Amino acid sequence: MSSTIQRFLNKQLPYCLACCLAGGATAQQPSPPPPLEVQAEQGELDMRKRIAVYTGKVIVTQGEIRLSGDRLQIYYDASQRPQKLLLEGAPAHYRGRVRKTGEEHAGMADEAEAQHVEYRVGEDLLLLEGKARIKQPEFILESARIEYDIRLGKVRMSQGQWSLPGPPEDLWQ
């Protein structure tokens, strides 16, 4: 990998991903998003196509948010802002922030997994396809496809199972 690409991946890409995973900071949120860390066995950037690709044991963390899988693609617009992340795995995983003391289900987090996970940056939307599953403290959803609006806390699925109450704690371990 050339030194120019390596410098971009090491210095610029984590900041871009931090903005991406934060759902786009607004003027009402003066503090910058927590630092983002990307770990993978390999990384590559195609500046012409505006795509970055990480492969091999990919782990993306930002604060309490964690994504993991086998392959991550990041698509950028003409201004080099990330537009979407595509994560593949067997399965790929998402873990949201842990609920704080005083919130319902304190100490617990939303978790999701699927063969294909797409995160749409501006919409704060998670699309799960292929053996999709979301576990929240209140329920478990399983379907071929699930849409999860993180910002609004809304979940939409087609033809699947909805389990109430939640499963034994060791299900996701």
C-alpha atoms as a PDB file:
ATOM      1  CA  MET A   1       0.000   0.000   0.000  1.00  0.00           C
ATOM      2  CA  SER A   2       1.462   3.389  -0.936  1.00  0.00           C
ATOM      3  CA  SER A   3       2.506   5.785   1.817  1.00  0.00           C
ATOM      4  CA  THR A   4      -0.042   8.393   0.616  1.00  0.00           C
ATOM      5  CA  ILE A   5      -2.930   5.955   0.949  1.00  0.00           C
ATOM      6  CA  GLN A   6      -1.610   4.683   4.264  1.00  0.00           C
ATOM      7  CA  ARG A   7      -1.413   8.252   5.655  1.00  0.00           C
ATOM      8  CA  PHE A   8      -4.982   8.916   4.471  1.00  0.00           C
ATOM      9  CA  LEU A   9      -6.280   5.712   6.034  1.00  0.00           C
ATOM     10  CA  ASN A  10      -4.457   6.350   9.310  1.00  0.00           C
ATOM     11  CA  LYS A  11      -5.203  10.068   9.733  1.00  0.00           C
ATOM     12  CA  GLN A  12      -8.164  11.210   7.665  1.00  0.00           C
ATOM     13  CA  LEU A  13     -10.406   8.165   7.456  1.00  0.00           C
ATOM     14  CA  PRO A  14     -10.965   7.732  11.217  1.00  0.00           C
ATOM     15  CA  TYR A  15     -12.126  11.354  11.498  1.00  0.00           C
ATOM     16  CA  CYS A  16     -14.479  10.928   8.517  1.00  0.00           C
ATOM     17  CA  LEU A  17     -15.864   7.724   9.997  1.00  0.00           C
ATOM     18  CA  ALA A  18     -16.312   9.407  13.375  1.00  0.00           C
ATOM     19  CA  CYS A  19     -18.519  12.025  11.740  1.00  0.00           C
ATOM     20  CA  CYS A  20     -20.297   9.268   9.829  1.00  0.00           C
ATOM     21  CA  LEU A  21     -21.110   7.099  12.810  1.00  0.00           C
ATOM     22  CA  ALA A  22     -22.128  10.104  14.894  1.00  0.00           C
ATOM     23  CA  GLY A  23     -25.039  10.651  12.529  1.00  0.00           C
ATOM     24  CA  GLY A  24     -23.788  14.106  11.546  1.00  0.00           C
ATOM     25  CA  ALA A  25     -23.118  16.582  14.327  1.00  0.00           C
ATOM     26  CA  THR A  26     -25.328  19.670  14.408  1.00  0.00           C
ATOM     27  CA  ALA A  27     -24.882  23.153  15.838  1.00  0.00           C
ATOM     28  CA  GLN A  28     -26.798  21.960  18.911  1.00  0.00           C
ATOM     29  CA  GLN A  29     -24.026  19.436  19.633  1.00  0.00           C
ATOM     30  CA  PRO A  30     -20.906  21.540  20.274  1.00  0.00           C
ATOM     31  CA  SER A  31     -18.616  18.699  21.325  1.00  0.00           C
ATOM     32  CA  PRO A  32     -16.976  16.645  18.577  1.00  0.00           C
ATOM     33  CA  PRO A  33     -17.839  12.955  18.278  1.00  0.00           C
ATOM     34  CA  PRO A  34     -15.685  10.513  20.237  1.00  0.00           C
ATOM     35  CA  PRO A  35     -12.627   9.278  18.363  1.00  0.00           C
ATOM     36  CA  LEU A  36     -13.195   6.425  15.967  1.00  0.00           C
ATOM     37  CA  GLU A  37     -10.981   3.381  15.759  1.00  0.00           C
ATOM     38  CA  VAL A  38     -10.856   1.022  12.799  1.00  0.00           C
ATOM     39  CA  GLN A  39      -8.985  -2.249  13.079  1.00  0.00           C
ATOM     40  CA  ALA A  40      -8.552  -4.619  10.143  1.00  0.00           C
ATOM     41  CA  GLU A  41      -5.987  -6.876   8.588  1.00  0.00           C
ATOM     42  CA  GLN A  42      -5.927  -4.822   5.351  1.00  0.00           C
ATOM     43  CA  GLY A  43      -7.136  -1.457   4.069  1.00  0.00           C
ATOM     44  CA  GLU A  44      -7.284   0.154   0.653  1.00  0.00           C
ATOM     45  CA  LEU A  45      -8.569   3.426  -0.805  1.00  0.00           C
ATOM     46  CA  ASP A  46      -9.735   4.091  -4.370  1.00  0.00           C
ATOM     47  CA  MET A  47      -9.674   7.895  -4.616  1.00  0.00           C
ATOM     48  CA  ARG A  48     -11.219   7.929  -8.089  1.00  0.00           C
ATOM     49  CA  LYS A  49     -14.243   5.866  -7.030  1.00  0.00           C
ATOM     50  CA  ARG A  50     -14.261   7.444  -3.534  1.00  0.00           C
ATOM     51  CA  ILE A  51     -14.410   4.078  -1.762  1.00  0.00           C
ATOM     52  CA  ALA A  52     -12.363   2.787   1.169  1.00  0.00           C
ATOM     53  CA  VAL A  53     -12.308  -0.960   1.842  1.00  0.00           C
ATOM     54  CA  TYR A  54     -11.154  -2.759   4.971  1.00  0.00           C
ATOM     55  CA  THR A  55     -10.941  -6.557   5.114  1.00  0.00           C
ATOM     56  CA  GLY A  56     -10.127  -9.225   7.651  1.00  0.00           C
ATOM     57  CA  LYS A  57     -11.476  -9.113  11.201  1.00  0.00           C
ATOM     58  CA  VAL A  58     -12.832  -5.580  10.862  1.00  0.00           C
ATOM     59  CA  ILE A  59     -13.749  -3.776  14.081  1.00  0.00           C
ATOM     60  CA  VAL A  60     -15.058  -0.199  14.096  1.00  0.00           C
ATOM     61  CA  THR A  61     -15.625   1.513  17.436  1.00  0.00           C
ATOM     62  CA  GLN A  62     -16.729   5.001  18.373  1.00  0.00           C
ATOM     63  CA  GLY A  63     -17.415   5.582  22.022  1.00  0.00           C
ATOM     64  CA  GLU A  64     -19.816   2.816  22.992  1.00  0.00           C
ATOM     65  CA  ILE A  65     -20.844   1.952  19.414  1.00  0.00           C
ATOM     66  CA  ARG A  66     -19.183  -1.103  17.913  1.00  0.00           C
ATOM     67  CA  LEU A  67     -19.440  -2.663  14.454  1.00  0.00           C
ATOM     68  CA  SER A  68     -17.599  -5.822  13.458  1.00  0.00           C
ATOM     69  CA  GLY A  69     -17.445  -8.081  10.426  1.00  0.00           C
ATOM     70  CA  ASP A  70     -15.256  -9.500   7.697  1.00  0.00           C
ATOM     71  CA  ARG A  71     -15.362  -6.647   5.153  1.00  0.00           C
ATOM     72  CA  LEU A  72     -16.183  -2.932   5.392  1.00  0.00           C
ATOM     73  CA  GLN A  73     -16.754  -0.535   2.480  1.00  0.00           C
ATOM     74  CA  ILE A  74     -17.106   3.207   3.004  1.00  0.00           C
ATOM     75  CA  TYR A  75     -18.597   5.349   0.220  1.00  0.00           C
ATOM     76  CA  TYR A  76     -17.790   9.077   0.054  1.00  0.00           C
ATOM     77  CA  ASP A  77     -19.461  11.972  -1.772  1.00  0.00           C
ATOM     78  CA  ALA A  78     -17.565  14.485  -3.934  1.00  0.00           C
ATOM     79  CA  SER A  79     -16.710  16.501  -0.790  1.00  0.00           C
ATOM     80  CA  GLN A  80     -15.087  13.401   0.754  1.00  0.00           C
ATOM     81  CA  ARG A  81     -17.817  13.010   3.364  1.00  0.00           C
ATOM     82  CA  PRO A  82     -18.889   9.436   4.125  1.00  0.00           C
ATOM     83  CA  GLN A  83     -22.361   8.608   2.812  1.00  0.00           C
ATOM     84  CA  LYS A  84     -22.735   4.959   3.775  1.00  0.00           C
ATOM     85  CA  LEU A  85     -20.923   2.033   5.308  1.00  0.00           C
ATOM     86  CA  LEU A  86     -21.437  -1.524   4.077  1.00  0.00           C
ATOM     87  CA  LEU A  87     -20.347  -4.282   6.418  1.00  0.00           C
ATOM     88  CA  GLU A  88     -20.401  -7.976   5.563  1.00  0.00           C
ATOM     89  CA  GLY A  89     -19.815 -10.916   7.835  1.00  0.00           C
ATOM     90  CA  ALA A  90     -20.882 -14.324   8.941  1.00  0.00           C
ATOM     91  CA  PRO A  91     -22.581 -12.488  10.569  1.00  0.00           C
ATOM     92  CA  ALA A  92     -21.679  -8.798  10.847  1.00  0.00           C
ATOM     93  CA  HIS A  93     -22.521  -7.225  14.224  1.00  0.00           C
ATOM     94  CA  TYR A  94     -23.732  -3.868  15.560  1.00  0.00           C
ATOM     95  CA  ARG A  95     -23.862  -2.871  19.227  1.00  0.00           C
ATOM     96  CA  GLY A  96     -25.336   0.486  20.221  1.00  0.00           C
ATOM     97  CA  ARG A  97     -24.722   2.647  23.249  1.00  0.00           C
ATOM     98  CA  VAL A  98     -25.337   1.246  26.715  1.00  0.00           C
ATOM     99  CA  ARG A  99     -28.378   2.773  28.419  1.00  0.00           C
ATOM    100  CA  LYS A 100     -27.467   4.952  31.395  1.00  0.00           C
ATOM    101  CA  THR A 101     -28.653   4.762  34.999  1.00  0.00           C
ATOM    102  CA  GLY A 102     -32.160   6.198  35.209  1.00  0.00           C
ATOM    103  CA  GLU A 103     -33.055   5.112  31.672  1.00  0.00           C
ATOM    104  CA  GLU A 104     -35.308   2.131  31.128  1.00  0.00           C
ATOM    105  CA  HIS A 105     -33.205  -1.068  30.928  1.00  0.00           C
ATOM    106  CA  ALA A 106     -30.075   0.684  32.278  1.00  0.00           C
ATOM    107  CA  GLY A 107     -26.828  -1.101  31.498  1.00  0.00           C
ATOM    108  CA  MET A 108     -28.216  -2.784  28.381  1.00  0.00           C
ATOM    109  CA  ALA A 109     -27.615  -1.971  24.694  1.00  0.00           C
ATOM    110  CA  ASP A 110     -29.343  -2.637  21.375  1.00  0.00           C
ATOM    111  CA  GLU A 111     -27.604  -5.351  19.386  1.00  0.00           C
ATOM    112  CA  ALA A 112     -28.038  -6.446  15.786  1.00  0.00           C
ATOM    113  CA  GLU A 113     -26.533  -8.934  13.384  1.00  0.00           C
ATOM    114  CA  ALA A 114     -26.955  -9.922   9.746  1.00  0.00           C
ATOM    115  CA  GLN A 115     -24.910 -11.131   6.814  1.00  0.00           C
ATOM    116  CA  HIS A 116     -25.066  -7.613   5.304  1.00  0.00           C
ATOM    117  CA  VAL A 117     -25.287  -4.403   7.365  1.00  0.00           C
ATOM    118  CA  GLU A 118     -25.684  -1.006   5.696  1.00  0.00           C
ATOM    119  CA  TYR A 119     -25.412   2.204   7.680  1.00  0.00           C
ATOM    120  CA  ARG A 120     -26.800   5.308   5.932  1.00  0.00           C
ATOM    121  CA  VAL A 121     -24.995   8.236   7.446  1.00  0.00           C
ATOM    122  CA  GLY A 122     -27.371  11.190   6.982  1.00  0.00           C
ATOM    123  CA  GLU A 123     -30.414   9.146   7.926  1.00  0.00           C
ATOM    124  CA  ASP A 124     -28.896   7.334  10.933  1.00  0.00           C
ATOM    125  CA  LEU A 125     -30.485   4.215   9.435  1.00  0.00           C
ATOM    126  CA  LEU A 126     -29.270   0.630   9.793  1.00  0.00           C
ATOM    127  CA  LEU A 127     -30.386  -1.859   7.120  1.00  0.00           C
ATOM    128  CA  LEU A 128     -29.892  -5.520   7.978  1.00  0.00           C
ATOM    129  CA  GLU A 129     -30.201  -8.243   5.330  1.00  0.00           C
ATOM    130  CA  GLY A 130     -29.655 -11.978   5.379  1.00  0.00           C
ATOM    131  CA  LYS A 131     -30.553 -13.724   8.635  1.00  0.00           C
ATOM    132  CA  ALA A 132     -31.199 -10.323  10.193  1.00  0.00           C
ATOM    133  CA  ARG A 133     -31.741 -10.113  13.917  1.00  0.00           C
ATOM    134  CA  ILE A 134     -32.175  -7.290  16.410  1.00  0.00           C
ATOM    135  CA  LYS A 135     -32.056  -7.792  20.148  1.00  0.00           C
ATOM    136  CA  GLN A 136     -33.357  -5.038  22.377  1.00  0.00           C
ATOM    137  CA  PRO A 137     -34.078  -5.409  26.081  1.00  0.00           C
ATOM    138  CA  GLU A 138     -37.792  -5.560  25.331  1.00  0.00           C
ATOM    139  CA  PHE A 139     -37.800  -8.008  22.387  1.00  0.00           C
ATOM    140  CA  ILE A 140     -35.997  -9.933  19.647  1.00  0.00           C
ATOM    141  CA  LEU A 141     -36.799  -9.564  15.940  1.00  0.00           C
ATOM    142  CA  GLU A 142     -35.709 -12.033  13.272  1.00  0.00           C
ATOM    143  CA  SER A 143     -36.331 -11.579   9.564  1.00  0.00           C
ATOM    144  CA  ALA A 144     -34.662 -11.730   6.174  1.00  0.00           C
ATOM    145  CA  ARG A 145     -34.599  -7.883   6.172  1.00  0.00           C
ATOM    146  CA  ILE A 146     -34.897  -5.341   8.989  1.00  0.00           C
ATOM    147  CA  GLU A 147     -34.712  -1.537   8.896  1.00  0.00           C
ATOM    148  CA  TYR A 148     -33.684   0.153  12.142  1.00  0.00           C
ATOM    149  CA  ASP A 149     -33.997   3.929  12.491  1.00  0.00           C
ATOM    150  CA  ILE A 150     -31.495   4.490  15.282  1.00  0.00           C
ATOM    151  CA  ARG A 151     -32.365   8.135  15.880  1.00  0.00           C
ATOM    152  CA  LEU A 152     -36.112   7.496  16.240  1.00  0.00           C
ATOM    153  CA  GLY A 153     -35.791   4.039  17.778  1.00  0.00           C
ATOM    154  CA  LYS A 154     -38.120   2.522  15.146  1.00  0.00           C
ATOM    155  CA  VAL A 155     -37.786  -0.946  13.669  1.00  0.00           C
ATOM    156  CA  ARG A 156     -39.485  -2.214  10.497  1.00  0.00           C
ATOM    157  CA  MET A 157     -39.363  -5.773   9.180  1.00  0.00           C
ATOM    158  CA  SER A 158     -41.131  -7.986   6.684  1.00  0.00           C
ATOM    159  CA  GLN A 159     -42.245 -11.507   7.506  1.00  0.00           C
ATOM    160  CA  GLY A 160     -40.314 -12.475  10.576  1.00  0.00           C
ATOM    161  CA  GLN A 161     -40.567 -13.430  14.207  1.00  0.00           C
ATOM    162  CA  TRP A 162     -41.125 -11.123  17.135  1.00  0.00           C
ATOM    163  CA  SER A 163     -40.271 -12.565  20.539  1.00  0.00           C
ATOM    164  CA  LEU A 164     -41.426 -11.118  23.856  1.00  0.00           C
ATOM    165  CA  PRO A 165     -39.990 -10.993  26.488  1.00  0.00           C
ATOM    166  CA  GLY A 166     -36.239 -11.019  25.761  1.00  0.00           C
ATOM    167  CA  PRO A 167     -34.115 -14.175  25.614  1.00  0.00           C
ATOM    168  CA  PRO A 168     -31.738 -15.660  28.148  1.00  0.00           C
ATOM    169  CA  GLU A 169     -28.707 -13.395  28.662  1.00  0.00           C
ATOM    170  CA  ASP A 170     -26.259 -15.904  27.155  1.00  0.00           C
ATOM    171  CA  LEU A 171     -27.918 -15.769  23.699  1.00  0.00           C
ATOM    172  CA  TRP A 172     -25.507 -13.121  22.360  1.00  0.00           C
ATOM    173  CA  GLN A 173     -22.354 -14.442  23.962  1.00  0.00           C
END
